[in-house]
N, C-alpha and C. Protein backbone atom coordinates (compact mmCIF):
# COMPACT_ATOMS: atom_id res chain seq x y z
N UNK A 1 24.78 171.75 38.83
CA UNK A 1 24.50 173.04 39.52
C UNK A 1 24.06 172.84 41.19
N UNK A 2 23.28 171.89 41.20
CA UNK A 2 22.70 171.59 42.61
C UNK A 2 23.86 171.23 43.51
N UNK A 3 24.94 170.45 42.97
CA UNK A 3 26.00 170.11 43.69
C UNK A 3 26.82 171.19 44.15
N UNK A 4 27.02 172.10 43.24
CA UNK A 4 27.93 173.20 43.56
C UNK A 4 27.31 174.07 44.56
N UNK A 5 25.91 174.15 44.52
CA UNK A 5 25.30 175.04 45.48
C UNK A 5 25.26 174.64 46.80
N UNK A 6 25.25 173.08 46.96
CA UNK A 6 25.21 172.54 48.39
C UNK A 6 26.86 172.53 48.78
N UNK A 7 27.74 172.49 47.89
CA UNK A 7 29.25 172.67 48.40
C UNK A 7 29.52 174.04 49.07
N UNK A 8 28.91 175.30 48.39
CA UNK A 8 29.17 176.44 48.70
C UNK A 8 28.41 176.70 50.21
N UNK A 9 27.23 176.14 50.07
CA UNK A 9 26.46 176.14 51.57
C UNK A 9 27.37 175.53 52.47
N UNK A 10 28.00 174.42 52.34
CA UNK A 10 28.77 173.80 53.44
C UNK A 10 30.01 174.67 53.89
N UNK A 11 30.74 175.18 52.87
CA UNK A 11 31.96 176.06 53.18
C UNK A 11 31.44 177.25 54.09
N UNK A 12 30.28 177.81 53.56
CA UNK A 12 29.65 179.11 54.42
C UNK A 12 29.45 178.60 55.85
N UNK A 13 28.74 177.41 55.99
CA UNK A 13 28.39 177.08 57.25
C UNK A 13 29.62 176.79 58.06
N UNK A 14 30.88 176.25 57.49
CA UNK A 14 32.05 175.97 58.28
C UNK A 14 32.56 177.27 58.76
N UNK A 15 32.60 178.38 57.82
CA UNK A 15 33.12 179.64 58.21
C UNK A 15 32.28 180.14 59.31
N UNK A 16 31.19 180.14 59.17
CA UNK A 16 30.22 180.87 60.18
C UNK A 16 30.54 180.11 61.59
N UNK A 17 30.73 178.75 61.65
CA UNK A 17 30.91 177.83 62.89
C UNK A 17 32.23 178.32 63.40
N UNK A 18 33.29 178.43 62.50
CA UNK A 18 34.69 178.96 63.04
C UNK A 18 34.56 180.40 63.52
N UNK A 19 33.75 181.21 63.20
CA UNK A 19 33.81 182.50 63.58
C UNK A 19 33.14 182.66 65.06
N UNK A 20 32.15 181.72 65.12
CA UNK A 20 31.35 181.61 66.49
C UNK A 20 32.21 181.03 67.35
N UNK A 21 33.05 180.13 67.13
CA UNK A 21 33.80 179.33 68.09
C UNK A 21 35.20 179.86 68.45
N UNK A 22 35.66 180.80 67.61
CA UNK A 22 36.97 181.51 67.89
C UNK A 22 37.13 182.25 69.22
N UNK A 23 36.26 182.97 69.68
CA UNK A 23 36.44 183.53 70.94
C UNK A 23 36.62 182.48 72.07
N UNK A 24 35.81 181.44 71.91
CA UNK A 24 35.99 180.33 72.86
C UNK A 24 37.26 179.51 72.90
N UNK A 25 37.70 179.49 71.73
CA UNK A 25 39.04 178.87 71.63
C UNK A 25 40.15 179.79 72.05
N UNK A 26 40.15 180.97 72.15
CA UNK A 26 41.16 181.93 72.53
C UNK A 26 41.20 181.88 73.92
N UNK A 27 39.96 181.60 74.58
CA UNK A 27 39.99 181.89 76.23
C UNK A 27 40.39 180.46 76.86
N UNK A 28 40.52 179.42 75.91
CA UNK A 28 40.99 178.25 76.48
C UNK A 28 42.38 177.99 76.30
N UNK A 29 43.16 178.90 75.61
CA UNK A 29 44.54 178.68 75.48
C UNK A 29 45.41 178.95 76.78
N UNK A 30 46.25 177.99 77.06
CA UNK A 30 47.15 178.01 78.41
C UNK A 30 48.11 179.22 78.34
N UNK A 31 47.99 180.07 79.55
CA UNK A 31 48.91 181.43 79.42
C UNK A 31 50.21 180.90 79.75
N UNK A 32 51.33 181.66 79.29
CA UNK A 32 52.64 181.22 79.53
C UNK A 32 53.14 181.51 81.03
N UNK A 33 53.84 180.70 81.68
CA UNK A 33 54.15 180.88 83.13
C UNK A 33 55.44 181.66 83.19
N UNK A 34 55.24 182.87 83.35
CA UNK A 34 56.32 183.75 83.30
C UNK A 34 57.16 183.69 84.62
N UNK A 35 56.40 183.21 85.57
CA UNK A 35 57.27 183.01 86.91
C UNK A 35 58.37 182.02 86.65
N UNK A 36 58.01 180.90 86.09
CA UNK A 36 59.07 179.92 85.78
C UNK A 36 60.16 180.25 84.97
N UNK A 37 59.89 181.20 83.96
CA UNK A 37 60.86 181.73 83.18
C UNK A 37 61.89 182.59 83.87
N UNK A 38 61.36 183.60 84.91
CA UNK A 38 62.12 184.25 85.68
C UNK A 38 62.90 183.66 86.63
N UNK A 39 62.39 182.49 87.28
CA UNK A 39 63.21 181.69 88.22
C UNK A 39 64.30 181.19 87.56
N UNK A 40 64.14 180.66 86.18
CA UNK A 40 65.08 179.90 85.46
C UNK A 40 66.38 180.98 85.21
N UNK A 41 65.74 182.19 84.85
CA UNK A 41 66.75 183.28 84.36
C UNK A 41 67.67 183.35 85.43
N UNK A 42 67.02 183.79 86.75
CA UNK A 42 67.76 184.12 88.04
C UNK A 42 68.77 183.09 88.40
N UNK A 43 68.41 181.70 88.24
CA UNK A 43 69.42 180.65 88.54
C UNK A 43 70.41 180.72 87.63
N UNK A 44 70.44 180.98 86.38
CA UNK A 44 71.51 180.98 85.29
C UNK A 44 72.49 182.10 85.73
N UNK A 45 71.91 183.41 86.12
CA UNK A 45 72.74 184.43 86.30
C UNK A 45 73.52 184.07 87.51
N UNK A 46 72.99 183.45 88.61
CA UNK A 46 73.69 183.06 89.87
C UNK A 46 74.81 182.14 89.51
N UNK A 47 74.56 181.07 88.74
CA UNK A 47 75.58 180.20 88.33
C UNK A 47 76.86 180.77 87.82
N UNK A 48 76.74 181.91 87.15
CA UNK A 48 78.07 182.34 86.44
C UNK A 48 78.85 183.49 87.47
N UNK A 49 78.42 183.68 88.68
CA UNK A 49 79.03 184.62 89.59
C UNK A 49 79.95 183.64 90.43
N UNK A 50 81.32 183.84 90.47
CA UNK A 50 82.28 183.14 91.05
C UNK A 50 82.97 183.87 92.21
N UNK A 51 83.38 183.11 93.13
CA UNK A 51 84.28 183.81 94.17
C UNK A 51 85.65 183.37 94.03
N UNK A 52 86.63 184.31 94.33
CA UNK A 52 87.98 183.82 94.29
C UNK A 52 88.51 183.51 95.60
N UNK A 53 89.13 182.16 95.73
CA UNK A 53 89.65 181.60 96.94
C UNK A 53 91.04 182.07 97.28
N UNK A 54 91.61 181.94 98.43
CA UNK A 54 92.84 182.25 98.70
C UNK A 54 93.76 181.33 98.01
N UNK A 55 93.47 180.24 97.63
CA UNK A 55 94.29 179.22 96.84
C UNK A 55 94.46 179.43 95.32
N UNK A 56 93.61 180.54 94.76
CA UNK A 56 93.60 180.84 93.47
C UNK A 56 92.41 180.05 92.69
N UNK A 57 91.66 179.14 93.39
CA UNK A 57 90.43 178.63 92.78
C UNK A 57 89.48 179.51 92.78
N UNK A 58 88.28 179.13 91.97
CA UNK A 58 87.05 179.76 91.82
C UNK A 58 85.94 178.80 92.39
N UNK A 59 85.02 179.51 93.10
CA UNK A 59 83.95 178.94 93.69
C UNK A 59 82.73 179.50 93.46
N UNK A 60 81.56 178.89 92.95
CA UNK A 60 80.40 179.55 92.67
C UNK A 60 79.83 180.24 93.93
N UNK A 61 79.04 181.21 93.76
CA UNK A 61 78.62 182.30 94.76
C UNK A 61 77.69 181.40 95.51
N UNK A 62 77.61 181.46 96.82
CA UNK A 62 76.73 180.93 97.69
C UNK A 62 77.34 179.48 98.13
N UNK A 63 78.29 178.92 97.52
CA UNK A 63 78.98 177.63 97.91
C UNK A 63 80.17 177.88 98.75
N UNK A 64 80.38 176.89 99.65
CA UNK A 64 81.53 176.94 100.57
C UNK A 64 82.65 176.37 99.97
N UNK A 65 83.78 176.99 100.11
CA UNK A 65 85.05 176.46 99.76
C UNK A 65 85.81 175.60 100.75
N UNK A 66 86.74 174.96 100.44
CA UNK A 66 87.43 174.17 101.32
C UNK A 66 87.89 174.80 102.53
N UNK A 67 88.36 176.25 102.37
CA UNK A 67 88.83 177.05 103.35
C UNK A 67 87.95 177.50 104.26
N UNK A 68 88.25 177.69 105.65
CA UNK A 68 87.28 178.16 106.55
C UNK A 68 87.37 179.67 106.78
N UNK A 69 88.23 180.36 105.89
CA UNK A 69 88.48 181.94 105.93
C UNK A 69 87.21 182.43 105.41
N UNK A 70 86.70 183.33 106.25
CA UNK A 70 85.43 184.02 105.88
C UNK A 70 85.66 185.02 104.71
N UNK A 71 86.81 185.35 104.32
CA UNK A 71 87.01 186.20 103.19
C UNK A 71 86.69 185.60 101.79
N UNK A 72 86.79 184.20 101.75
CA UNK A 72 86.40 183.45 100.70
C UNK A 72 85.18 183.70 100.00
N UNK A 73 84.12 184.11 100.88
CA UNK A 73 82.99 184.34 100.34
C UNK A 73 82.69 185.66 99.76
N UNK A 74 83.99 186.60 99.73
CA UNK A 74 83.74 187.94 99.13
C UNK A 74 84.20 187.78 97.43
N UNK A 75 83.25 188.44 96.75
CA UNK A 75 83.44 188.47 95.29
C UNK A 75 84.77 189.12 94.98
N UNK A 76 85.20 188.85 93.91
CA UNK A 76 86.70 189.47 93.49
C UNK A 76 86.43 190.82 93.27
N UNK A 77 85.40 191.41 92.87
CA UNK A 77 85.22 193.03 92.65
C UNK A 77 85.28 193.56 93.99
N UNK A 78 84.71 193.10 94.97
CA UNK A 78 84.81 193.50 96.33
C UNK A 78 86.32 193.40 97.06
N UNK A 79 86.98 192.43 96.67
CA UNK A 79 88.23 192.32 97.15
C UNK A 79 89.25 193.46 96.59
N UNK A 80 89.12 193.70 95.48
CA UNK A 80 89.72 194.80 94.78
C UNK A 80 89.51 196.04 95.36
N UNK A 81 88.14 196.38 95.51
CA UNK A 81 87.66 197.87 96.04
C UNK A 81 88.12 197.94 97.43
N UNK A 82 88.32 196.82 98.22
CA UNK A 82 88.60 196.96 99.75
C UNK A 82 90.08 197.27 99.94
N UNK A 83 90.93 197.20 98.91
CA UNK A 83 92.22 197.28 99.05
C UNK A 83 92.61 198.91 99.29
N UNK A 84 93.49 199.20 100.26
CA UNK A 84 93.87 200.50 100.25
C UNK A 84 95.14 200.97 99.81
N UNK A 85 95.34 202.15 99.23
CA UNK A 85 96.64 202.62 98.62
C UNK A 85 97.73 202.44 99.69
N UNK A 86 98.95 201.93 99.16
CA UNK A 86 100.28 201.77 99.95
C UNK A 86 101.07 202.95 99.76
N UNK A 87 100.71 203.97 98.84
CA UNK A 87 101.52 205.11 98.69
C UNK A 87 100.67 206.32 98.16
N UNK A 88 101.40 207.49 98.42
CA UNK A 88 100.39 208.62 98.26
C UNK A 88 101.36 209.83 97.69
N UNK A 89 100.95 210.24 96.46
CA UNK A 89 101.76 211.50 95.92
C UNK A 89 101.55 212.86 96.50
N UNK A 90 102.54 213.53 96.85
CA UNK A 90 102.47 214.93 97.26
C UNK A 90 103.22 215.86 96.53
N UNK A 91 102.77 217.12 96.53
CA UNK A 91 103.31 218.27 95.80
C UNK A 91 104.26 218.91 96.97
N UNK A 92 105.55 219.05 96.63
CA UNK A 92 106.40 219.73 97.26
C UNK A 92 106.96 221.00 96.76
N UNK A 93 106.95 222.19 97.16
CA UNK A 93 107.11 223.50 96.51
C UNK A 93 108.59 224.11 96.91
N UNK A 94 109.25 224.27 95.69
CA UNK A 94 110.73 224.70 95.84
C UNK A 94 110.76 225.94 94.75
N UNK A 95 111.75 226.68 95.08
CA UNK A 95 112.21 227.61 94.03
C UNK A 95 112.90 227.05 92.79
N UNK A 96 112.97 227.72 91.77
CA UNK A 96 113.62 227.22 90.43
C UNK A 96 114.19 228.21 89.69
N UNK A 97 115.66 228.15 89.63
CA UNK A 97 116.42 229.12 88.99
C UNK A 97 116.19 229.21 87.49
N UNK A 98 115.82 227.98 86.98
CA UNK A 98 115.84 228.06 85.55
C UNK A 98 114.60 228.48 85.04
N UNK A 99 113.36 228.21 85.81
CA UNK A 99 112.07 228.56 85.39
C UNK A 99 111.97 230.12 85.77
N UNK A 100 112.57 230.52 86.79
CA UNK A 100 112.50 231.90 87.30
C UNK A 100 113.76 232.44 87.51
N UNK A 101 114.34 232.96 86.38
CA UNK A 101 115.86 233.60 86.52
C UNK A 101 115.85 234.81 87.24
N UNK A 102 114.57 235.49 87.52
CA UNK A 102 114.73 236.75 88.27
C UNK A 102 114.74 236.43 89.54
N UNK A 103 115.89 236.34 90.28
CA UNK A 103 115.97 235.74 91.58
C UNK A 103 115.40 236.89 92.55
N UNK A 104 114.78 238.02 92.23
CA UNK A 104 114.30 238.83 93.19
C UNK A 104 112.78 238.46 93.51
N UNK A 105 112.07 237.64 92.45
CA UNK A 105 110.87 237.09 92.74
C UNK A 105 111.09 235.78 93.71
N UNK A 106 111.31 236.14 94.83
CA UNK A 106 111.60 235.09 95.77
C UNK A 106 110.51 234.15 96.27
N UNK A 107 109.28 234.83 96.23
CA UNK A 107 108.18 233.94 96.69
C UNK A 107 107.33 233.29 95.61
N UNK A 108 108.08 233.04 94.47
CA UNK A 108 107.65 232.30 93.34
C UNK A 108 108.08 230.78 93.50
N UNK A 109 107.01 229.87 93.57
CA UNK A 109 107.70 228.57 93.82
C UNK A 109 107.00 227.74 92.71
N UNK A 110 107.60 226.50 92.58
CA UNK A 110 107.11 225.34 91.55
C UNK A 110 107.15 223.94 92.21
N UNK A 111 106.18 223.24 92.04
CA UNK A 111 106.01 222.02 92.73
C UNK A 111 106.56 220.74 92.11
N UNK A 112 107.22 219.91 92.81
CA UNK A 112 107.70 218.67 92.37
C UNK A 112 106.75 217.48 93.06
N UNK A 113 106.84 216.44 92.45
CA UNK A 113 105.99 215.29 93.30
C UNK A 113 106.81 214.32 93.92
N UNK A 114 106.55 214.14 95.20
CA UNK A 114 107.06 212.92 95.90
C UNK A 114 106.13 211.99 96.24
N UNK A 115 106.38 210.83 96.25
CA UNK A 115 105.68 209.63 96.67
C UNK A 115 106.18 209.11 98.00
N UNK A 116 105.07 208.97 99.02
CA UNK A 116 105.55 208.67 100.33
C UNK A 116 104.49 207.47 100.67
N UNK A 117 105.00 206.55 101.70
CA UNK A 117 103.99 205.69 101.98
C UNK A 117 102.72 206.21 102.68
N UNK A 118 101.55 205.67 102.49
CA UNK A 118 100.26 206.08 102.77
C UNK A 118 100.14 206.52 104.23
N UNK A 119 99.61 207.40 104.60
CA UNK A 119 99.54 208.05 106.02
C UNK A 119 98.29 208.96 105.88
N UNK A 120 97.61 209.10 107.34
CA UNK A 120 96.58 210.04 107.50
C UNK A 120 97.25 211.43 107.82
N UNK A 121 98.39 211.43 108.30
CA UNK A 121 99.25 212.70 108.60
C UNK A 121 99.81 213.37 107.37
N UNK A 122 98.97 213.70 106.30
CA UNK A 122 99.57 214.02 105.07
C UNK A 122 100.18 215.25 105.08
N UNK A 123 99.58 216.30 105.86
CA UNK A 123 100.42 217.58 106.03
C UNK A 123 101.88 217.32 106.56
N UNK A 124 101.89 216.53 107.64
CA UNK A 124 103.17 216.65 108.30
C UNK A 124 104.16 215.81 107.50
N UNK A 125 103.45 214.85 106.61
CA UNK A 125 104.45 214.08 105.56
C UNK A 125 105.01 214.95 104.51
N UNK A 126 104.07 215.92 104.10
CA UNK A 126 104.52 216.92 102.84
C UNK A 126 105.52 217.81 103.31
N UNK A 127 105.33 218.29 104.51
CA UNK A 127 106.32 219.28 105.20
C UNK A 127 107.53 218.49 105.41
N UNK A 128 107.58 217.38 105.76
CA UNK A 128 108.69 216.55 106.06
C UNK A 128 109.46 216.37 104.87
N UNK A 129 108.81 216.17 103.57
CA UNK A 129 109.78 216.04 102.31
C UNK A 129 110.16 217.47 102.04
N UNK A 130 109.62 218.60 102.27
CA UNK A 130 109.92 219.89 101.98
C UNK A 130 111.40 220.03 102.67
N UNK A 131 111.47 219.72 103.89
CA UNK A 131 112.50 220.01 104.64
C UNK A 131 113.67 219.09 104.45
N UNK A 132 113.52 218.23 103.59
CA UNK A 132 114.70 217.36 103.13
C UNK A 132 115.41 218.01 102.02
N UNK A 133 114.76 219.03 101.32
CA UNK A 133 115.32 219.65 100.30
C UNK A 133 115.14 219.04 98.94
N UNK A 134 115.60 219.58 97.90
CA UNK A 134 115.55 218.94 96.50
C UNK A 134 116.34 217.81 96.53
N UNK A 135 115.79 216.71 95.71
CA UNK A 135 116.74 215.63 95.27
C UNK A 135 117.73 215.91 94.33
N UNK A 136 118.77 215.26 94.32
CA UNK A 136 119.95 215.53 93.26
C UNK A 136 119.17 215.75 91.82
N UNK A 137 118.12 214.77 91.37
CA UNK A 137 117.46 215.09 90.10
C UNK A 137 116.87 216.36 90.16
N UNK A 138 116.14 216.81 91.17
CA UNK A 138 115.49 218.31 91.32
C UNK A 138 116.61 219.37 91.11
N UNK A 139 117.49 219.12 91.79
CA UNK A 139 118.55 220.15 91.85
C UNK A 139 119.14 220.35 90.32
N UNK A 140 119.39 219.27 89.71
CA UNK A 140 119.94 219.36 88.16
C UNK A 140 118.90 219.96 87.31
N UNK A 141 117.69 220.08 87.83
CA UNK A 141 116.62 220.62 86.85
C UNK A 141 116.54 222.20 87.54
N UNK A 142 117.33 222.67 88.27
CA UNK A 142 117.04 223.86 88.73
C UNK A 142 116.31 224.26 89.85
N UNK A 143 115.93 223.17 90.60
CA UNK A 143 115.08 223.38 91.94
C UNK A 143 116.13 223.81 93.07
N UNK A 144 115.75 224.69 93.98
CA UNK A 144 116.56 224.92 95.07
C UNK A 144 115.49 225.25 96.26
N UNK A 145 116.10 225.24 97.60
CA UNK A 145 115.29 225.69 98.72
C UNK A 145 115.93 226.86 99.65
N UNK A 146 115.10 227.48 100.09
CA UNK A 146 115.52 228.77 100.87
C UNK A 146 115.66 228.41 102.37
N UNK A 147 115.37 226.97 102.71
CA UNK A 147 115.20 226.52 103.96
C UNK A 147 116.69 225.96 104.34
N UNK A 148 117.11 226.29 105.62
CA UNK A 148 118.28 225.58 106.26
C UNK A 148 118.32 224.06 106.12
N UNK A 149 119.23 223.29 106.04
CA UNK A 149 119.19 221.99 106.21
C UNK A 149 119.14 221.59 107.65
N UNK A 150 118.64 220.66 108.14
CA UNK A 150 118.50 220.14 109.49
C UNK A 150 117.43 220.62 110.37
N UNK A 151 116.48 221.66 109.68
CA UNK A 151 115.25 221.93 110.50
C UNK A 151 114.30 220.79 110.56
N UNK A 152 113.58 220.74 111.61
CA UNK A 152 112.74 219.70 111.99
C UNK A 152 111.38 220.36 112.42
N UNK A 153 110.31 219.53 112.39
CA UNK A 153 108.95 219.96 112.73
C UNK A 153 108.96 219.72 114.33
N UNK A 154 108.58 220.88 115.04
CA UNK A 154 108.35 220.61 116.53
C UNK A 154 106.81 220.39 116.65
N UNK A 155 106.00 221.20 116.02
CA UNK A 155 104.55 220.92 116.18
C UNK A 155 103.98 221.49 114.87
N UNK A 156 102.73 220.68 114.42
CA UNK A 156 101.95 221.09 113.34
C UNK A 156 100.55 220.73 113.77
N UNK A 157 99.61 221.79 113.73
CA UNK A 157 98.25 221.77 113.93
C UNK A 157 97.61 222.42 112.86
N UNK A 158 96.06 221.93 112.60
CA UNK A 158 95.43 222.42 111.49
C UNK A 158 93.82 222.50 112.16
N UNK A 159 93.51 223.80 112.29
CA UNK A 159 92.28 224.09 112.99
C UNK A 159 91.45 225.16 112.26
N UNK A 160 90.35 224.98 111.88
CA UNK A 160 89.53 226.02 111.28
C UNK A 160 90.24 226.57 109.85
N UNK A 161 90.92 225.84 109.25
CA UNK A 161 91.49 226.23 107.90
C UNK A 161 92.97 226.85 108.23
N UNK A 162 93.18 227.03 109.40
CA UNK A 162 94.73 227.45 109.62
C UNK A 162 95.75 226.51 110.16
N UNK A 163 96.83 226.35 109.34
CA UNK A 163 97.65 225.43 109.70
C UNK A 163 98.74 226.22 110.67
N UNK A 164 99.29 225.76 111.79
CA UNK A 164 99.95 226.52 112.54
C UNK A 164 101.40 225.54 112.54
N UNK A 165 102.62 225.78 112.19
CA UNK A 165 103.69 225.09 112.16
C UNK A 165 105.06 225.75 113.03
N UNK A 166 105.36 224.95 114.05
CA UNK A 166 106.45 225.56 114.67
C UNK A 166 107.66 224.56 114.35
N UNK A 167 108.88 225.20 114.05
CA UNK A 167 110.04 224.49 113.49
C UNK A 167 111.21 224.76 114.38
N UNK A 168 112.07 223.86 114.19
CA UNK A 168 113.42 224.17 115.22
C UNK A 168 114.41 224.83 114.17
N UNK A 169 115.39 225.38 114.96
CA UNK A 169 116.46 226.14 114.26
C UNK A 169 116.00 227.23 113.41
N UNK A 170 116.75 228.17 113.36
CA UNK A 170 116.37 229.38 112.17
C UNK A 170 116.16 228.63 110.90
N UNK A 171 115.27 228.93 110.25
CA UNK A 171 114.83 228.59 108.88
C UNK A 171 115.77 229.16 107.90
N UNK A 172 116.37 230.26 108.00
CA UNK A 172 117.30 230.84 107.16
C UNK A 172 118.59 231.27 107.83
N UNK A 173 119.71 231.37 107.12
CA UNK A 173 121.12 231.84 107.78
C UNK A 173 120.76 233.13 108.36
N UNK A 174 121.34 233.46 109.48
CA UNK A 174 121.42 234.72 110.35
C UNK A 174 121.91 235.85 109.39
N UNK A 175 121.25 236.86 109.36
CA UNK A 175 121.44 237.96 108.58
C UNK A 175 121.22 237.89 107.20
N UNK A 176 120.45 236.99 106.67
CA UNK A 176 120.07 236.76 105.41
C UNK A 176 119.18 237.70 104.71
N UNK A 177 119.05 237.88 103.55
CA UNK A 177 118.26 239.02 102.97
C UNK A 177 116.90 238.68 103.20
N UNK A 178 116.08 239.70 103.20
CA UNK A 178 114.54 239.42 103.35
C UNK A 178 113.96 238.73 102.36
N UNK A 179 114.48 238.63 101.16
CA UNK A 179 114.10 237.71 100.13
C UNK A 179 114.20 236.35 100.24
N UNK A 180 115.22 235.93 100.91
CA UNK A 180 115.33 234.50 101.35
C UNK A 180 114.18 234.09 102.46
N UNK A 181 113.85 235.07 103.22
CA UNK A 181 112.90 234.72 104.18
C UNK A 181 111.48 234.76 103.42
N UNK A 182 111.23 235.52 102.47
CA UNK A 182 110.14 235.30 101.60
C UNK A 182 110.04 234.05 101.02
N UNK A 183 111.28 233.57 100.45
CA UNK A 183 111.04 232.31 99.84
C UNK A 183 110.86 231.00 100.67
N UNK A 184 111.47 231.26 101.81
CA UNK A 184 111.05 230.09 102.78
C UNK A 184 109.68 230.10 103.11
N UNK A 185 109.13 231.25 103.54
CA UNK A 185 107.78 231.21 103.87
C UNK A 185 106.80 230.79 102.65
N UNK A 186 107.11 231.32 101.34
CA UNK A 186 106.32 230.61 100.33
C UNK A 186 106.35 229.26 100.08
N UNK A 187 107.53 228.67 100.34
CA UNK A 187 107.63 227.09 100.25
C UNK A 187 106.76 226.37 101.09
N UNK A 188 106.80 226.79 102.41
CA UNK A 188 106.06 226.09 103.47
C UNK A 188 104.69 226.31 103.10
N UNK A 189 104.10 227.72 102.84
CA UNK A 189 102.90 227.95 102.56
C UNK A 189 102.38 227.15 101.57
N UNK A 190 102.91 227.09 100.46
CA UNK A 190 102.37 226.44 99.11
C UNK A 190 102.25 225.04 99.29
N UNK A 191 103.40 224.47 100.15
CA UNK A 191 103.23 222.94 100.15
C UNK A 191 102.09 222.50 101.07
N UNK A 192 101.59 223.37 102.04
CA UNK A 192 100.47 222.96 103.04
C UNK A 192 99.30 223.41 102.43
N UNK A 193 99.21 224.37 101.62
CA UNK A 193 97.75 224.77 100.88
C UNK A 193 97.52 223.92 99.87
N UNK A 194 98.22 222.80 99.50
CA UNK A 194 97.65 221.96 98.55
C UNK A 194 96.52 221.03 99.08
N UNK A 195 96.36 221.25 100.36
CA UNK A 195 95.31 220.37 101.09
C UNK A 195 94.12 221.24 101.18
N UNK A 196 92.90 220.67 101.07
CA UNK A 196 91.72 221.67 100.98
C UNK A 196 91.42 221.98 102.46
N UNK A 197 91.87 221.52 103.61
CA UNK A 197 91.74 221.80 104.90
C UNK A 197 92.59 222.95 105.25
N UNK A 198 93.47 223.36 104.56
CA UNK A 198 94.46 224.54 104.75
C UNK A 198 94.03 225.67 103.94
N UNK A 199 93.82 226.70 104.56
CA UNK A 199 93.36 228.14 103.88
C UNK A 199 94.65 229.20 104.08
N UNK A 200 95.06 229.12 105.24
CA UNK A 200 96.35 229.84 105.61
C UNK A 200 97.29 229.26 106.42
N UNK A 201 98.41 229.76 106.59
CA UNK A 201 99.57 229.02 107.26
C UNK A 201 100.28 230.14 108.16
N UNK A 202 100.38 229.86 109.45
CA UNK A 202 101.21 230.63 110.40
C UNK A 202 102.41 229.82 110.79
N UNK A 203 103.62 230.53 110.42
CA UNK A 203 104.93 229.80 110.79
C UNK A 203 105.82 230.31 111.93
N UNK A 204 106.14 229.65 112.77
CA UNK A 204 106.93 230.17 114.01
C UNK A 204 108.27 229.05 114.07
N UNK A 205 109.32 229.71 114.62
CA UNK A 205 110.58 228.94 114.85
C UNK A 205 110.91 228.91 116.35
N UNK A 206 110.80 227.88 117.08
CA UNK A 206 110.96 227.76 118.41
C UNK A 206 110.06 228.75 119.26
N UNK A 207 108.98 228.76 118.73
CA UNK A 207 107.78 229.55 119.22
C UNK A 207 107.80 230.97 118.98
N UNK A 208 108.44 231.33 118.22
CA UNK A 208 108.72 232.84 117.78
C UNK A 208 108.05 233.08 116.33
N UNK A 209 107.27 233.99 116.09
CA UNK A 209 106.66 234.09 114.75
C UNK A 209 107.78 234.35 113.63
N UNK A 210 107.53 233.71 112.56
CA UNK A 210 108.54 233.94 111.41
C UNK A 210 108.27 234.90 110.47
């Protein structure tokens, strides 16, 4: 019995000693160096960023390739976003006998899409496509124009939301019905009003209001 009592006293003493030393042991533990971890992570991220060289090879970001061209330091993403479009889709308005069999509705137009080389003069490009008239494919689908062939743009300005266009030659045959005039005016107006900068259109032929 005496030995068992002594053993329990030793166990209790050890527990009390550990309880007293525990706060000291916690304070002496070395903290984790998070700065080192962050630096390692950043280095790993940089290592996987590659640049596309002119010869088709890949070079890690920050390293120089064999080429002296400054563009080789640009990332592939930036190279793609810096490319400018080479073509531009435009809506060209024509009449259509199939969709609008009531020919007295002369000012009703329907748009076809034409693709042209990219340009800053989009309104002039759209009007130029209109003056070419329907393509053979458009004509087979019922599209027609009320504008004479051979008409050209003499002047086109856009100011304050108003587009003023002056054209050469008569737009329509001499003595044509008023309906044909309304159709020509609607085609020009709707073609130009596809652009946000155009709210209204003034048309003239050789300086005379149409």
